[in-house]
Amino acid sequence: MVLAAERMGRTMPGSSLATRHLKGEPLHPTLAAGIEAEAASFHNQIRRDAALVTQANKHAEALKVEFGFQSAPQVAPSPKAARPRSMRP
């Protein structure tokens, strides 16, 4: 969300760290927590405005594609998989 906020015109100090992290570079846990705090703060600023939330989500989806993250396909479980198998020989 830090990068989405930046694309929406906000100044986000952790954007370069967030970019490095999304590219796969390891970050110290303290730095990652700082990025998380920025994202939470941004969320709290926009959460009551549906238009801003929609805009941020669109940017987040674009970032997901840009950095090569894909959603796992939603597959319904088969009816056979839901039934327990008998332990009888």
N, C-alpha and C. Protein backbone atom coordinates (compact mmCIF):
# COMPACT_ATOMS: atom_id res chain seq x y z
N MET A 1 0.80 -1.18 0.00
CA MET A 1 0.00 0.00 0.00
C MET A 1 0.86 1.26 0.00
N VAL A 2 2.09 1.15 0.44
CA VAL A 2 2.97 2.32 0.43
C VAL A 2 3.20 2.77 -1.01
N LEU A 3 3.42 1.84 -1.91
CA LEU A 3 3.64 2.21 -3.31
C LEU A 3 2.35 2.67 -3.97
N ALA A 4 1.23 2.10 -3.59
CA ALA A 4 -0.06 2.57 -4.11
C ALA A 4 -0.30 4.00 -3.67
N ALA A 5 0.02 4.30 -2.41
CA ALA A 5 -0.15 5.67 -1.90
C ALA A 5 0.74 6.64 -2.67
N GLU A 6 1.94 6.21 -2.96
CA GLU A 6 2.85 7.07 -3.71
C GLU A 6 2.31 7.36 -5.10
N ARG A 7 1.73 6.35 -5.73
CA ARG A 7 1.14 6.54 -7.05
C ARG A 7 -0.08 7.45 -7.01
N MET A 8 -0.65 7.59 -5.83
CA MET A 8 -1.80 8.48 -5.66
C MET A 8 -1.36 9.90 -5.29
N GLY A 9 -0.04 10.14 -5.32
CA GLY A 9 0.47 11.48 -5.07
C GLY A 9 0.91 11.76 -3.65
N ARG A 10 0.89 10.75 -2.80
CA ARG A 10 1.32 10.94 -1.41
C ARG A 10 2.84 10.77 -1.33
N THR A 11 3.47 11.45 -0.42
CA THR A 11 4.89 11.27 -0.17
C THR A 11 5.05 10.19 0.88
N MET A 12 5.68 9.10 0.50
CA MET A 12 5.84 7.96 1.40
C MET A 12 7.33 7.68 1.57
N PRO A 13 7.90 7.96 2.75
CA PRO A 13 9.34 7.78 2.97
C PRO A 13 9.81 6.34 2.75
N GLY A 14 8.95 5.36 2.98
CA GLY A 14 9.37 3.96 2.85
C GLY A 14 9.19 3.37 1.47
N SER A 15 8.90 4.18 0.47
CA SER A 15 8.62 3.62 -0.86
C SER A 15 9.82 2.93 -1.48
N SER A 16 11.01 3.47 -1.29
CA SER A 16 12.19 2.80 -1.89
C SER A 16 12.46 1.47 -1.19
N LEU A 17 12.25 1.42 0.12
CA LEU A 17 12.41 0.14 0.83
C LEU A 17 11.34 -0.86 0.40
N ALA A 18 10.11 -0.37 0.23
CA ALA A 18 9.03 -1.26 -0.21
C ALA A 18 9.32 -1.83 -1.60
N THR A 19 9.87 -1.00 -2.48
CA THR A 19 10.22 -1.47 -3.82
C THR A 19 11.30 -2.54 -3.75
N ARG A 20 12.32 -2.30 -2.95
CA ARG A 20 13.38 -3.30 -2.79
C ARG A 20 12.81 -4.61 -2.25
N HIS A 21 11.92 -4.51 -1.28
CA HIS A 21 11.34 -5.71 -0.67
C HIS A 21 10.50 -6.49 -1.69
N LEU A 22 9.71 -5.77 -2.50
CA LEU A 22 8.90 -6.46 -3.50
C LEU A 22 9.74 -7.08 -4.61
N LYS A 23 10.95 -6.58 -4.79
CA LYS A 23 11.86 -7.17 -5.77
C LYS A 23 12.58 -8.40 -5.20
N GLY A 24 12.33 -8.69 -3.92
CA GLY A 24 12.90 -9.89 -3.32
C GLY A 24 14.09 -9.67 -2.43
N GLU A 25 14.47 -8.43 -2.23
CA GLU A 25 15.61 -8.17 -1.35
C GLU A 25 15.18 -8.31 0.10
N PRO A 26 16.03 -8.89 0.91
CA PRO A 26 15.68 -9.01 2.32
C PRO A 26 15.76 -7.66 3.02
N LEU A 27 14.88 -7.46 3.99
CA LEU A 27 14.89 -6.23 4.79
C LEU A 27 15.00 -6.61 6.25
N HIS A 28 15.63 -5.76 7.00
CA HIS A 28 15.69 -5.96 8.45
C HIS A 28 14.26 -5.84 8.98
N PRO A 29 13.89 -6.66 9.95
CA PRO A 29 12.52 -6.62 10.48
C PRO A 29 12.08 -5.24 10.95
N THR A 30 12.99 -4.44 11.47
CA THR A 30 12.64 -3.10 11.91
C THR A 30 12.23 -2.22 10.73
N LEU A 31 12.93 -2.36 9.61
CA LEU A 31 12.57 -1.59 8.42
C LEU A 31 11.23 -2.05 7.86
N ALA A 32 11.01 -3.36 7.86
CA ALA A 32 9.73 -3.90 7.38
C ALA A 32 8.58 -3.40 8.26
N ALA A 33 8.82 -3.31 9.55
CA ALA A 33 7.79 -2.80 10.46
C ALA A 33 7.49 -1.34 10.18
N GLY A 34 8.50 -0.58 9.79
CA GLY A 34 8.29 0.82 9.43
C GLY A 34 7.42 0.96 8.20
N ILE A 35 7.65 0.10 7.22
CA ILE A 35 6.82 0.10 6.00
C ILE A 35 5.38 -0.26 6.37
N GLU A 36 5.24 -1.26 7.22
CA GLU A 36 3.90 -1.68 7.65
C GLU A 36 3.17 -0.54 8.36
N ALA A 37 3.89 0.20 9.20
CA ALA A 37 3.28 1.32 9.91
C ALA A 37 2.83 2.41 8.93
N GLU A 38 3.64 2.67 7.91
CA GLU A 38 3.25 3.65 6.89
C GLU A 38 2.00 3.21 6.15
N ALA A 39 1.95 1.93 5.80
CA ALA A 39 0.79 1.40 5.09
C ALA A 39 -0.46 1.49 5.96
N ALA A 40 -0.32 1.16 7.24
CA ALA A 40 -1.47 1.24 8.15
C ALA A 40 -1.95 2.68 8.30
N SER A 41 -1.01 3.61 8.37
CA SER A 41 -1.37 5.02 8.49
C SER A 41 -2.13 5.49 7.25
N PHE A 42 -1.65 5.10 6.09
CA PHE A 42 -2.33 5.46 4.84
C PHE A 42 -3.73 4.86 4.81
N HIS A 43 -3.83 3.61 5.19
CA HIS A 43 -5.14 2.94 5.24
C HIS A 43 -6.11 3.73 6.13
N ASN A 44 -5.63 4.13 7.29
CA ASN A 44 -6.48 4.88 8.22
C ASN A 44 -6.91 6.23 7.65
N GLN A 45 -6.08 6.81 6.80
CA GLN A 45 -6.41 8.10 6.19
C GLN A 45 -7.50 7.98 5.13
N ILE A 46 -7.53 6.85 4.42
CA ILE A 46 -8.46 6.73 3.29
C ILE A 46 -9.65 5.81 3.55
N ARG A 47 -9.69 5.11 4.65
CA ARG A 47 -10.67 4.04 4.84
C ARG A 47 -12.12 4.48 4.78
N ARG A 48 -12.41 5.73 5.02
CA ARG A 48 -13.81 6.19 5.01
C ARG A 48 -14.23 6.77 3.66
N ASP A 49 -13.33 6.78 2.70
CA ASP A 49 -13.63 7.33 1.38
C ASP A 49 -13.56 6.20 0.36
N ALA A 50 -14.73 5.73 -0.06
CA ALA A 50 -14.80 4.57 -0.96
C ALA A 50 -14.06 4.81 -2.26
N ALA A 51 -14.10 6.03 -2.78
CA ALA A 51 -13.42 6.32 -4.04
C ALA A 51 -11.90 6.18 -3.89
N LEU A 52 -11.36 6.67 -2.77
CA LEU A 52 -9.92 6.54 -2.54
C LEU A 52 -9.52 5.09 -2.30
N VAL A 53 -10.36 4.34 -1.61
CA VAL A 53 -10.07 2.93 -1.38
C VAL A 53 -10.06 2.18 -2.71
N THR A 54 -11.02 2.46 -3.56
CA THR A 54 -11.06 1.82 -4.88
C THR A 54 -9.83 2.17 -5.69
N GLN A 55 -9.45 3.43 -5.66
CA GLN A 55 -8.26 3.88 -6.40
C GLN A 55 -7.01 3.18 -5.87
N ALA A 56 -6.86 3.10 -4.56
CA ALA A 56 -5.70 2.45 -3.96
C ALA A 56 -5.67 0.97 -4.32
N ASN A 57 -6.83 0.32 -4.31
CA ASN A 57 -6.89 -1.10 -4.67
C ASN A 57 -6.51 -1.33 -6.12
N LYS A 58 -6.90 -0.42 -7.00
CA LYS A 58 -6.51 -0.55 -8.41
C LYS A 58 -5.00 -0.42 -8.57
N HIS A 59 -4.41 0.50 -7.84
CA HIS A 59 -2.95 0.64 -7.89
C HIS A 59 -2.28 -0.62 -7.32
N ALA A 60 -2.84 -1.16 -6.25
CA ALA A 60 -2.27 -2.37 -5.65
C ALA A 60 -2.34 -3.54 -6.62
N GLU A 61 -3.44 -3.67 -7.35
CA GLU A 61 -3.56 -4.73 -8.35
C GLU A 61 -2.53 -4.55 -9.46
N ALA A 62 -2.33 -3.32 -9.90
CA ALA A 62 -1.33 -3.04 -10.94
C ALA A 62 0.07 -3.37 -10.43
N LEU A 63 0.34 -3.04 -9.18
CA LEU A 63 1.66 -3.36 -8.59
C LEU A 63 1.86 -4.87 -8.49
N LYS A 64 0.80 -5.58 -8.17
CA LYS A 64 0.90 -7.04 -8.09
C LYS A 64 1.34 -7.61 -9.43
N VAL A 65 0.76 -7.12 -10.50
CA VAL A 65 1.14 -7.59 -11.84
C VAL A 65 2.56 -7.14 -12.17
N GLU A 66 2.86 -5.89 -11.86
CA GLU A 66 4.19 -5.33 -12.17
C GLU A 66 5.32 -6.11 -11.50
N PHE A 67 5.09 -6.54 -10.27
CA PHE A 67 6.14 -7.26 -9.55
C PHE A 67 6.01 -8.78 -9.67
N GLY A 68 5.07 -9.26 -10.49
CA GLY A 68 4.99 -10.69 -10.78
C GLY A 68 4.28 -11.54 -9.74
N PHE A 69 3.44 -10.94 -8.92
CA PHE A 69 2.66 -11.70 -7.95
C PHE A 69 1.32 -12.04 -8.57
N GLN A 70 0.92 -13.28 -8.45
CA GLN A 70 -0.36 -13.71 -9.01
C GLN A 70 -1.21 -14.31 -7.90
N SER A 71 -2.49 -14.10 -7.99
CA SER A 71 -3.40 -14.71 -7.03
C SER A 71 -3.52 -16.20 -7.33
N ALA A 72 -3.65 -16.98 -6.27
CA ALA A 72 -3.90 -18.40 -6.46
C ALA A 72 -5.32 -18.55 -7.01
N PRO A 73 -5.48 -19.40 -8.02
CA PRO A 73 -6.83 -19.57 -8.57
C PRO A 73 -7.77 -20.16 -7.51
N GLN A 74 -8.98 -19.68 -7.51
CA GLN A 74 -9.99 -20.18 -6.58
C GLN A 74 -10.58 -21.45 -7.16
N VAL A 75 -10.30 -22.57 -6.53
CA VAL A 75 -10.80 -23.85 -7.00
C VAL A 75 -11.70 -24.43 -5.92
N ALA A 76 -12.90 -24.76 -6.32
CA ALA A 76 -13.83 -25.37 -5.37
C ALA A 76 -13.37 -26.80 -5.07
N PRO A 77 -13.43 -27.22 -3.82
CA PRO A 77 -13.03 -28.59 -3.52
C PRO A 77 -14.00 -29.58 -4.14
N SER A 78 -13.46 -30.69 -4.56
CA SER A 78 -14.32 -31.71 -5.16
C SER A 78 -15.13 -32.38 -4.06
N PRO A 79 -16.33 -32.85 -4.39
CA PRO A 79 -17.15 -33.52 -3.37
C PRO A 79 -16.47 -34.75 -2.79
N LYS A 80 -15.67 -35.45 -3.59
CA LYS A 80 -14.98 -36.63 -3.10
C LYS A 80 -13.94 -36.27 -2.05
N ALA A 81 -13.29 -35.16 -2.22
CA ALA A 81 -12.25 -34.75 -1.29
C ALA A 81 -12.83 -34.37 0.07
N ALA A 82 -14.09 -33.95 0.09
CA ALA A 82 -14.71 -33.51 1.34
C ALA A 82 -15.12 -34.69 2.23
N ARG A 83 -15.34 -35.87 1.61
CA ARG A 83 -15.77 -37.03 2.41
C ARG A 83 -14.57 -37.74 3.01
N PRO A 84 -14.65 -38.10 4.30
CA PRO A 84 -13.55 -38.87 4.87
C PRO A 84 -13.50 -40.26 4.29
N ARG A 85 -12.31 -40.77 4.13
CA ARG A 85 -12.15 -42.11 3.57
C ARG A 85 -12.28 -43.15 4.68
N SER A 86 -12.77 -44.28 4.32
CA SER A 86 -12.95 -45.38 5.28
C SER A 86 -11.60 -45.96 5.62
N MET A 87 -11.42 -46.35 6.86
CA MET A 87 -10.19 -46.98 7.30
C MET A 87 -10.26 -48.50 7.15
N ARG A 88 -11.38 -49.03 6.70
CA ARG A 88 -11.54 -50.49 6.56
C ARG A 88 -10.75 -51.00 5.36
N PRO A 89 -10.20 -52.19 5.51
CA PRO A 89 -9.45 -52.77 4.39
C PRO A 89 -10.32 -53.22 3.25
